[in-house]
Amino acid sequence: MTHIHRVALCCALALGAVLPAAAEQVGEVSTSFKLLGANNKIVIEAFDDPKVEGVACFVSRATTGGISGSLGLAEDTSDAAIACRQVGPIRWNDELEAGEEVFKQRTSLMFKSVQVVRFYDATRNTLIYLTYSDKLVEGSPKNSVSAVVVAPWGADPAPEAPKYDK
Protein backbone atom coordinates (compact mmCIF):
# COMPACT_ATOMS: atom_id res chain seq x y z
CA MET A 1 0.00 0.00 0.00
CA THR A 2 1.43 3.37 -1.01
CA HIS A 3 1.70 6.33 1.32
CA ILE A 4 -1.14 8.10 -0.54
CA HIS A 5 -3.41 5.05 -0.14
CA ARG A 6 -2.63 4.88 3.59
CA VAL A 7 -3.43 8.57 4.03
CA ALA A 8 -6.72 8.20 2.11
CA LEU A 9 -7.69 5.15 4.18
CA CYS A 10 -6.88 6.93 7.45
CA CYS A 11 -8.90 10.00 6.38
CA ALA A 12 -11.89 7.87 5.37
CA LEU A 13 -11.80 5.98 8.66
CA ALA A 14 -11.38 9.19 10.64
CA LEU A 15 -14.43 10.69 8.92
CA GLY A 16 -16.48 7.60 9.70
CA ALA A 17 -16.82 6.49 6.08
CA VAL A 18 -17.48 2.83 5.51
CA LEU A 19 -15.49 1.50 2.57
CA PRO A 20 -16.64 -1.41 0.38
CA ALA A 21 -15.67 -4.77 1.80
CA ALA A 22 -12.48 -6.57 0.87
CA ALA A 23 -12.90 -10.17 -0.27
CA GLU A 24 -11.08 -13.25 0.92
CA GLN A 25 -10.63 -16.06 -1.61
CA VAL A 26 -12.03 -19.32 -0.24
CA GLY A 27 -11.60 -21.58 -3.28
CA GLU A 28 -11.20 -21.97 -7.01
CA VAL A 29 -11.63 -24.56 -9.76
CA SER A 30 -10.05 -24.67 -13.21
CA THR A 31 -12.51 -24.66 -16.09
CA SER A 32 -10.04 -25.02 -18.96
CA PHE A 33 -6.38 -25.82 -19.37
CA LYS A 34 -3.97 -23.22 -20.78
CA LEU A 35 -0.58 -24.36 -22.04
CA LEU A 36 0.95 -20.98 -21.21
CA GLY A 37 -0.12 -19.00 -18.17
CA ALA A 38 -2.82 -19.71 -15.62
CA ASN A 39 -5.90 -21.79 -16.41
CA ASN A 40 -9.32 -20.19 -16.78
CA LYS A 41 -11.02 -20.51 -13.38
CA ILE A 42 -14.06 -19.93 -11.28
CA VAL A 43 -13.03 -18.19 -8.06
CA ILE A 44 -15.11 -18.12 -4.87
CA GLU A 45 -14.61 -15.11 -2.61
CA ALA A 46 -16.23 -14.22 0.71
CA PHE A 47 -16.78 -10.82 2.30
CA ASP A 48 -18.66 -9.43 5.28
CA ASP A 49 -21.09 -6.57 4.77
CA PRO A 50 -19.27 -3.51 6.18
CA LYS A 51 -22.47 -1.92 7.57
CA VAL A 52 -24.40 -5.04 8.59
CA GLU A 53 -22.63 -7.16 11.18
CA GLY A 54 -23.71 -10.81 10.99
CA VAL A 55 -24.09 -11.06 7.19
CA ALA A 56 -21.52 -12.66 4.88
CA CYS A 57 -21.70 -12.96 1.10
CA PHE A 58 -20.04 -15.45 -1.20
CA VAL A 59 -19.41 -14.47 -4.82
CA SER A 60 -18.31 -16.86 -7.54
CA ARG A 61 -16.93 -15.36 -10.73
CA ALA A 62 -15.06 -16.41 -13.82
CA THR A 63 -11.42 -15.38 -14.27
CA THR A 64 -9.52 -15.48 -17.55
CA GLY A 65 -6.23 -17.34 -17.70
CA GLY A 66 -3.56 -17.63 -20.35
CA ILE A 67 -0.68 -15.23 -20.73
CA SER A 68 -2.88 -12.11 -20.79
CA GLY A 69 -4.78 -13.28 -17.69
CA SER A 70 -1.56 -14.05 -15.83
CA LEU A 71 -0.28 -10.55 -16.61
CA GLY A 72 -3.54 -8.92 -15.55
CA LEU A 73 -4.31 -7.73 -19.07
CA ALA A 74 -7.30 -9.97 -19.86
CA GLU A 75 -10.91 -8.93 -19.38
CA ASP A 76 -12.90 -11.44 -17.32
CA THR A 77 -16.39 -12.42 -18.45
CA SER A 78 -19.44 -10.95 -16.73
CA ASP A 79 -20.47 -14.28 -15.22
CA ALA A 80 -20.95 -14.10 -11.44
CA ALA A 81 -23.24 -15.54 -8.78
CA ILE A 82 -23.88 -14.55 -5.17
CA ALA A 83 -25.17 -16.18 -1.99
CA CYS A 84 -25.50 -14.16 1.22
CA ARG A 85 -26.29 -15.64 4.63
CA GLN A 86 -26.84 -14.57 8.21
CA VAL A 87 -23.75 -15.85 10.07
CA GLY A 88 -24.37 -14.26 13.46
CA PRO A 89 -26.58 -11.74 15.24
CA ILE A 90 -27.42 -8.88 12.88
CA ARG A 91 -26.38 -5.42 14.02
CA TRP A 92 -26.51 -2.19 12.02
CA ASN A 93 -23.11 -0.44 12.01
CA ASP A 94 -24.43 2.61 10.15
CA GLU A 95 -27.41 3.94 8.19
CA LEU A 96 -28.07 1.95 5.00
CA GLU A 97 -28.54 3.54 1.58
CA ALA A 98 -30.53 2.08 -1.31
CA GLY A 99 -28.24 0.53 -3.91
CA GLU A 100 -25.17 1.12 -1.77
CA GLU A 101 -22.00 -0.56 -3.03
CA VAL A 102 -20.73 -3.10 -0.51
CA PHE A 103 -18.14 -4.86 -2.68
CA LYS A 104 -16.26 -4.11 -5.90
CA GLN A 105 -13.54 -6.06 -7.70
CA ARG A 106 -11.75 -4.98 -10.87
CA THR A 107 -12.10 -7.57 -13.66
CA SER A 108 -10.04 -5.89 -16.37
CA LEU A 109 -7.00 -3.67 -16.46
CA MET A 110 -8.98 -0.43 -16.50
CA PHE A 111 -12.65 -0.38 -17.36
CA LYS A 112 -14.59 -3.34 -16.00
CA SER A 113 -15.57 -4.50 -12.52
CA VAL A 114 -17.93 -6.85 -10.72
CA GLN A 115 -19.75 -5.29 -7.82
CA VAL A 116 -22.33 -6.01 -5.16
CA VAL A 117 -24.94 -3.50 -4.05
CA ARG A 118 -27.37 -3.77 -1.13
CA PHE A 119 -31.04 -2.90 -0.82
CA TYR A 120 -33.41 -3.24 2.14
CA ASP A 121 -37.01 -4.40 1.69
CA ALA A 122 -38.78 -2.99 4.77
CA THR A 123 -42.06 -4.78 3.97
CA ARG A 124 -40.36 -8.18 4.21
CA ASN A 125 -37.59 -7.11 6.65
CA THR A 126 -35.06 -8.48 4.19
CA LEU A 127 -31.63 -7.41 2.92
CA ILE A 128 -31.15 -7.95 -0.83
CA TYR A 129 -27.73 -8.21 -2.44
CA LEU A 130 -27.31 -7.82 -6.21
CA THR A 131 -24.12 -8.66 -8.08
CA TYR A 132 -23.49 -7.43 -11.62
CA SER A 133 -20.71 -6.39 -13.92
CA ASP A 134 -20.23 -2.85 -15.13
CA LYS A 135 -18.00 -1.37 -17.77
CA LEU A 136 -17.11 2.24 -18.54
CA VAL A 137 -18.83 2.15 -21.94
CA GLU A 138 -21.26 -0.78 -21.76
CA GLY A 139 -22.19 -2.98 -18.81
CA SER A 140 -23.72 -6.43 -18.85
CA PRO A 141 -27.29 -7.43 -17.97
CA LYS A 142 -25.96 -10.63 -16.37
CA ASN A 143 -26.69 -10.51 -12.66
CA SER A 144 -27.43 -12.58 -9.58
CA VAL A 145 -29.39 -11.78 -6.44
CA SER A 146 -29.46 -13.12 -2.87
CA ALA A 147 -31.73 -12.22 0.04
CA VAL A 148 -31.17 -12.41 3.81
CA VAL A 149 -34.18 -12.20 6.13
CA VAL A 150 -33.34 -10.15 9.23
CA ALA A 151 -34.03 -12.80 11.86
CA PRO A 152 -33.17 -13.56 15.48
CA TRP A 153 -29.90 -15.40 16.14
CA GLY A 154 -29.80 -17.81 19.05
CA ALA A 155 -31.02 -15.99 22.15
CA ASP A 156 -30.59 -12.58 20.45
CA PRO A 157 -33.85 -11.04 19.19
CA ALA A 158 -34.09 -9.72 15.64
CA PRO A 159 -32.85 -6.13 15.50
CA GLU A 160 -35.19 -3.22 14.85
CA ALA A 161 -35.37 -2.07 11.25
CA PRO A 162 -32.32 -0.12 10.12
CA LYS A 163 -32.24 3.56 9.26
CA TYR A 164 -32.63 3.36 5.52
CA ASP A 165 -32.28 6.11 2.91
CA LYS A 166 -34.21 5.21 -0.26
C-alpha atoms as a PDB file:
ATOM      1  CA  MET A   1       0.000   0.000   0.000  1.00  0.00           C
ATOM      2  CA  THR A   2       1.425   3.367  -1.011  1.00  0.00           C
ATOM      3  CA  HIS A   3       1.699   6.326   1.317  1.00  0.00           C
ATOM      4  CA  ILE A   4      -1.143   8.102  -0.541  1.00  0.00           C
ATOM      5  CA  HIS A   5      -3.412   5.050  -0.143  1.00  0.00           C
ATOM      6  CA  ARG A   6      -2.627   4.878   3.588  1.00  0.00           C
ATOM      7  CA  VAL A   7      -3.431   8.566   4.032  1.00  0.00           C
ATOM      8  CA  ALA A   8      -6.716   8.196   2.109  1.00  0.00           C
ATOM      9  CA  LEU A   9      -7.692   5.153   4.175  1.00  0.00           C
ATOM     10  CA  CYS A  10      -6.878   6.926   7.448  1.00  0.00           C
ATOM     11  CA  CYS A  11      -8.896   9.998   6.376  1.00  0.00           C
ATOM     12  CA  ALA A  12     -11.886   7.869   5.366  1.00  0.00           C
ATOM     13  CA  LEU A  13     -11.798   5.983   8.662  1.00  0.00           C
ATOM     14  CA  ALA A  14     -11.377   9.188  10.642  1.00  0.00           C
ATOM     15  CA  LEU A  15     -14.428  10.690   8.922  1.00  0.00           C
ATOM     16  CA  GLY A  16     -16.481   7.599   9.698  1.00  0.00           C
ATOM     17  CA  ALA A  17     -16.822   6.494   6.084  1.00  0.00           C
ATOM     18  CA  VAL A  18     -17.479   2.825   5.507  1.00  0.00           C
ATOM     19  CA  LEU A  19     -15.490   1.504   2.573  1.00  0.00           C
ATOM     20  CA  PRO A  20     -16.638  -1.406   0.381  1.00  0.00           C
ATOM     21  CA  ALA A  21     -15.665  -4.771   1.801  1.00  0.00           C
ATOM     22  CA  ALA A  22     -12.478  -6.565   0.866  1.00  0.00           C
ATOM     23  CA  ALA A  23     -12.895 -10.165  -0.268  1.00  0.00           C
ATOM     24  CA  GLU A  24     -11.083 -13.255   0.917  1.00  0.00           C
ATOM     25  CA  GLN A  25     -10.632 -16.063  -1.612  1.00  0.00           C
ATOM     26  CA  VAL A  26     -12.030 -19.324  -0.244  1.00  0.00           C
ATOM     27  CA  GLY A  27     -11.604 -21.579  -3.280  1.00  0.00           C
ATOM     28  CA  GLU A  28     -11.201 -21.966  -7.009  1.00  0.00           C
ATOM     29  CA  VAL A  29     -11.634 -24.561  -9.757  1.00  0.00           C
ATOM     30  CA  SER A  30     -10.046 -24.670 -13.210  1.00  0.00           C
ATOM     31  CA  THR A  31     -12.505 -24.657 -16.085  1.00  0.00           C
ATOM     32  CA  SER A  32     -10.041 -25.024 -18.963  1.00  0.00           C
ATOM     33  CA  PHE A  33      -6.379 -25.820 -19.372  1.00  0.00           C
ATOM     34  CA  LYS A  34      -3.975 -23.217 -20.779  1.00  0.00           C
ATOM     35  CA  LEU A  35      -0.584 -24.360 -22.038  1.00  0.00           C
ATOM     36  CA  LEU A  36       0.950 -20.980 -21.206  1.00  0.00           C
ATOM     37  CA  GLY A  37      -0.117 -19.001 -18.172  1.00  0.00           C
ATOM     38  CA  ALA A  38      -2.816 -19.713 -15.616  1.00  0.00           C
ATOM     39  CA  ASN A  39      -5.896 -21.794 -16.415  1.00  0.00           C
ATOM     40  CA  ASN A  40      -9.322 -20.187 -16.781  1.00  0.00           C
ATOM     41  CA  LYS A  41     -11.016 -20.508 -13.384  1.00  0.00           C
ATOM     42  CA  ILE A  42     -14.055 -19.931 -11.280  1.00  0.00           C
ATOM     43  CA  VAL A  43     -13.031 -18.190  -8.060  1.00  0.00           C
ATOM     44  CA  ILE A  44     -15.106 -18.121  -4.872  1.00  0.00           C
ATOM     45  CA  GLU A  45     -14.611 -15.114  -2.613  1.00  0.00           C
ATOM     46  CA  ALA A  46     -16.234 -14.216   0.713  1.00  0.00           C
ATOM     47  CA  PHE A  47     -16.782 -10.824   2.296  1.00  0.00           C
ATOM     48  CA  ASP A  48     -18.660  -9.429   5.281  1.00  0.00           C
ATOM     49  CA  ASP A  49     -21.088  -6.566   4.771  1.00  0.00           C
ATOM     50  CA  PRO A  50     -19.265  -3.512   6.181  1.00  0.00           C
ATOM     51  CA  LYS A  51     -22.469  -1.921   7.571  1.00  0.00           C
ATOM     52  CA  VAL A  52     -24.396  -5.043   8.586  1.00  0.00           C
ATOM     53  CA  GLU A  53     -22.630  -7.158  11.176  1.00  0.00           C
ATOM     54  CA  GLY A  54     -23.709 -10.807  10.989  1.00  0.00           C
ATOM     55  CA  VAL A  55     -24.088 -11.064   7.194  1.00  0.00           C
ATOM     56  CA  ALA A  56     -21.523 -12.664   4.882  1.00  0.00           C
ATOM     57  CA  CYS A  57     -21.702 -12.962   1.100  1.00  0.00           C
ATOM     58  CA  PHE A  58     -20.035 -15.446  -1.202  1.00  0.00           C
ATOM     59  CA  VAL A  59     -19.407 -14.471  -4.824  1.00  0.00           C
ATOM     60  CA  SER A  60     -18.308 -16.862  -7.536  1.00  0.00           C
ATOM     61  CA  ARG A  61     -16.933 -15.359 -10.735  1.00  0.00           C
ATOM     62  CA  ALA A  62     -15.065 -16.410 -13.819  1.00  0.00           C
ATOM     63  CA  THR A  63     -11.422 -15.381 -14.272  1.00  0.00           C
ATOM     64  CA  THR A  64      -9.515 -15.480 -17.547  1.00  0.00           C
ATOM     65  CA  GLY A  65      -6.231 -17.342 -17.699  1.00  0.00           C
ATOM     66  CA  GLY A  66      -3.563 -17.634 -20.346  1.00  0.00           C
ATOM     67  CA  ILE A  67      -0.684 -15.234 -20.726  1.00  0.00           C
ATOM     68  CA  SER A  68      -2.883 -12.110 -20.790  1.00  0.00           C
ATOM     69  CA  GLY A  69      -4.782 -13.277 -17.689  1.00  0.00           C
ATOM     70  CA  SER A  70      -1.561 -14.052 -15.828  1.00  0.00           C
ATOM     71  CA  LEU A  71      -0.276 -10.552 -16.611  1.00  0.00           C
ATOM     72  CA  GLY A  72      -3.545  -8.922 -15.548  1.00  0.00           C
ATOM     73  CA  LEU A  73      -4.314  -7.727 -19.071  1.00  0.00           C
ATOM     74  CA  ALA A  74      -7.301  -9.970 -19.864  1.00  0.00           C
ATOM     75  CA  GLU A  75     -10.905  -8.935 -19.379  1.00  0.00           C
ATOM     76  CA  ASP A  76     -12.899 -11.436 -17.323  1.00  0.00           C
ATOM     77  CA  THR A  77     -16.390 -12.421 -18.449  1.00  0.00           C
ATOM     78  CA  SER A  78     -19.444 -10.945 -16.734  1.00  0.00           C
ATOM     79  CA  ASP A  79     -20.471 -14.278 -15.223  1.00  0.00           C
ATOM     80  CA  ALA A  80     -20.947 -14.095 -11.443  1.00  0.00           C
ATOM     81  CA  ALA A  81     -23.244 -15.543  -8.783  1.00  0.00           C
ATOM     82  CA  ILE A  82     -23.881 -14.554  -5.169  1.00  0.00           C
ATOM     83  CA  ALA A  83     -25.171 -16.182  -1.992  1.00  0.00           C
ATOM     84  CA  CYS A  84     -25.500 -14.164   1.217  1.00  0.00           C
ATOM     85  CA  ARG A  85     -26.293 -15.644   4.630  1.00  0.00           C
ATOM     86  CA  GLN A  86     -26.836 -14.575   8.209  1.00  0.00           C
ATOM     87  CA  VAL A  87     -23.747 -15.846  10.072  1.00  0.00           C
ATOM     88  CA  GLY A  88     -24.372 -14.263  13.457  1.00  0.00           C
ATOM     89  CA  PRO A  89     -26.579 -11.736  15.244  1.00  0.00           C
ATOM     90  CA  ILE A  90     -27.416  -8.883  12.875  1.00  0.00           C
ATOM     91  CA  ARG A  91     -26.385  -5.421  14.022  1.00  0.00           C
ATOM     92  CA  TRP A  92     -26.507  -2.192  12.022  1.00  0.00           C
ATOM     93  CA  ASN A  93     -23.114  -0.439  12.011  1.00  0.00           C
ATOM     94  CA  ASP A  94     -24.427   2.606  10.154  1.00  0.00           C
ATOM     95  CA  GLU A  95     -27.414   3.935   8.192  1.00  0.00           C
ATOM     96  CA  LEU A  96     -28.073   1.952   5.003  1.00  0.00           C
ATOM     97  CA  GLU A  97     -28.536   3.541   1.576  1.00  0.00           C
ATOM     98  CA  ALA A  98     -30.533   2.084  -1.313  1.00  0.00           C
ATOM     99  CA  GLY A  99     -28.235   0.529  -3.913  1.00  0.00           C
ATOM    100  CA  GLU A 100     -25.171   1.123  -1.771  1.00  0.00           C
ATOM    101  CA  GLU A 101     -22.003  -0.563  -3.032  1.00  0.00           C
ATOM    102  CA  VAL A 102     -20.728  -3.101  -0.509  1.00  0.00           C
ATOM    103  CA  PHE A 103     -18.139  -4.865  -2.676  1.00  0.00           C
ATOM    104  CA  LYS A 104     -16.265  -4.106  -5.898  1.00  0.00           C
ATOM    105  CA  GLN A 105     -13.544  -6.065  -7.696  1.00  0.00           C
ATOM    106  CA  ARG A 106     -11.746  -4.978 -10.866  1.00  0.00           C
ATOM    107  CA  THR A 107     -12.097  -7.568 -13.661  1.00  0.00           C
ATOM    108  CA  SER A 108     -10.044  -5.890 -16.367  1.00  0.00           C
ATOM    109  CA  LEU A 109      -6.999  -3.667 -16.464  1.00  0.00           C
ATOM    110  CA  MET A 110      -8.979  -0.429 -16.501  1.00  0.00           C
ATOM    111  CA  PHE A 111     -12.647  -0.378 -17.356  1.00  0.00           C
ATOM    112  CA  LYS A 112     -14.595  -3.342 -16.000  1.00  0.00           C
ATOM    113  CA  SER A 113     -15.572  -4.501 -12.518  1.00  0.00           C
ATOM    114  CA  VAL A 114     -17.928  -6.849 -10.722  1.00  0.00           C
ATOM    115  CA  GLN A 115     -19.755  -5.292  -7.822  1.00  0.00           C
ATOM    116  CA  VAL A 116     -22.329  -6.013  -5.162  1.00  0.00           C
ATOM    117  CA  VAL A 117     -24.939  -3.498  -4.050  1.00  0.00           C
ATOM    118  CA  ARG A 118     -27.368  -3.771  -1.125  1.00  0.00           C
ATOM    119  CA  PHE A 119     -31.042  -2.905  -0.824  1.00  0.00           C
ATOM    120  CA  TYR A 120     -33.414  -3.240   2.140  1.00  0.00           C
ATOM    121  CA  ASP A 121     -37.012  -4.397   1.689  1.00  0.00           C
ATOM    122  CA  ALA A 122     -38.782  -2.989   4.765  1.00  0.00           C
ATOM    123  CA  THR A 123     -42.064  -4.781   3.967  1.00  0.00           C
ATOM    124  CA  ARG A 124     -40.357  -8.180   4.211  1.00  0.00           C
ATOM    125  CA  ASN A 125     -37.592  -7.110   6.651  1.00  0.00           C
ATOM    126  CA  THR A 126     -35.058  -8.482   4.192  1.00  0.00           C
ATOM    127  CA  LEU A 127     -31.630  -7.411   2.916  1.00  0.00           C
ATOM    128  CA  ILE A 128     -31.154  -7.953  -0.827  1.00  0.00           C
ATOM    129  CA  TYR A 129     -27.732  -8.213  -2.436  1.00  0.00           C
ATOM    130  CA  LEU A 130     -27.307  -7.824  -6.206  1.00  0.00           C
ATOM    131  CA  THR A 131     -24.116  -8.656  -8.082  1.00  0.00           C
ATOM    132  CA  TYR A 132     -23.493  -7.433 -11.622  1.00  0.00           C
ATOM    133  CA  SER A 133     -20.711  -6.392 -13.925  1.00  0.00           C
ATOM    134  CA  ASP A 134     -20.231  -2.854 -15.134  1.00  0.00           C
ATOM    135  CA  LYS A 135     -18.003  -1.370 -17.769  1.00  0.00           C
ATOM    136  CA  LEU A 136     -17.110   2.237 -18.537  1.00  0.00           C
ATOM    137  CA  VAL A 137     -18.829   2.152 -21.937  1.00  0.00           C
ATOM    138  CA  GLU A 138     -21.262  -0.778 -21.759  1.00  0.00           C
ATOM    139  CA  GLY A 139     -22.190  -2.976 -18.807  1.00  0.00           C
ATOM    140  CA  SER A 140     -23.725  -6.426 -18.850  1.00  0.00           C
ATOM    141  CA  PRO A 141     -27.293  -7.431 -17.967  1.00  0.00           C
ATOM    142  CA  LYS A 142     -25.957 -10.634 -16.374  1.00  0.00           C
ATOM    143  CA  ASN A 143     -26.688 -10.508 -12.655  1.00  0.00           C
ATOM    144  CA  SER A 144     -27.427 -12.577  -9.580  1.00  0.00           C
ATOM    145  CA  VAL A 145     -29.387 -11.781  -6.438  1.00  0.00           C
ATOM    146  CA  SER A 146     -29.458 -13.122  -2.873  1.00  0.00           C
ATOM    147  CA  ALA A 147     -31.728 -12.220   0.043  1.00  0.00           C
ATOM    148  CA  VAL A 148     -31.171 -12.407   3.810  1.00  0.00           C
ATOM    149  CA  VAL A 149     -34.178 -12.199   6.132  1.00  0.00           C
ATOM    150  CA  VAL A 150     -33.338 -10.150   9.225  1.00  0.00           C
ATOM    151  CA  ALA A 151     -34.029 -12.804  11.857  1.00  0.00           C
ATOM    152  CA  PRO A 152     -33.172 -13.564  15.482  1.00  0.00           C
ATOM    153  CA  TRP A 153     -29.904 -15.399  16.137  1.00  0.00           C
ATOM    154  CA  GLY A 154     -29.796 -17.815  19.048  1.00  0.00           C
ATOM    155  CA  ALA A 155     -31.017 -15.991  22.148  1.00  0.00           C
ATOM    156  CA  ASP A 156     -30.588 -12.575  20.449  1.00  0.00           C
ATOM    157  CA  PRO A 157     -33.849 -11.042  19.189  1.00  0.00           C
ATOM    158  CA  ALA A 158     -34.088  -9.721  15.635  1.00  0.00           C
ATOM    159  CA  PRO A 159     -32.851  -6.128  15.496  1.00  0.00           C
ATOM    160  CA  GLU A 160     -35.190  -3.222  14.851  1.00  0.00           C
ATOM    161  CA  ALA A 161     -35.375  -2.071  11.246  1.00  0.00           C
ATOM    162  CA  PRO A 162     -32.316  -0.122  10.121  1.00  0.00           C
ATOM    163  CA  LYS A 163     -32.245   3.557   9.264  1.00  0.00           C
ATOM    164  CA  TYR A 164     -32.635   3.362   5.515  1.00  0.00           C
ATOM    165  CA  ASP A 165     -32.283   6.110   2.905  1.00  0.00           C
ATOM    166  CA  LYS A 166     -34.213   5.214  -0.260  1.00  0.00           C
END
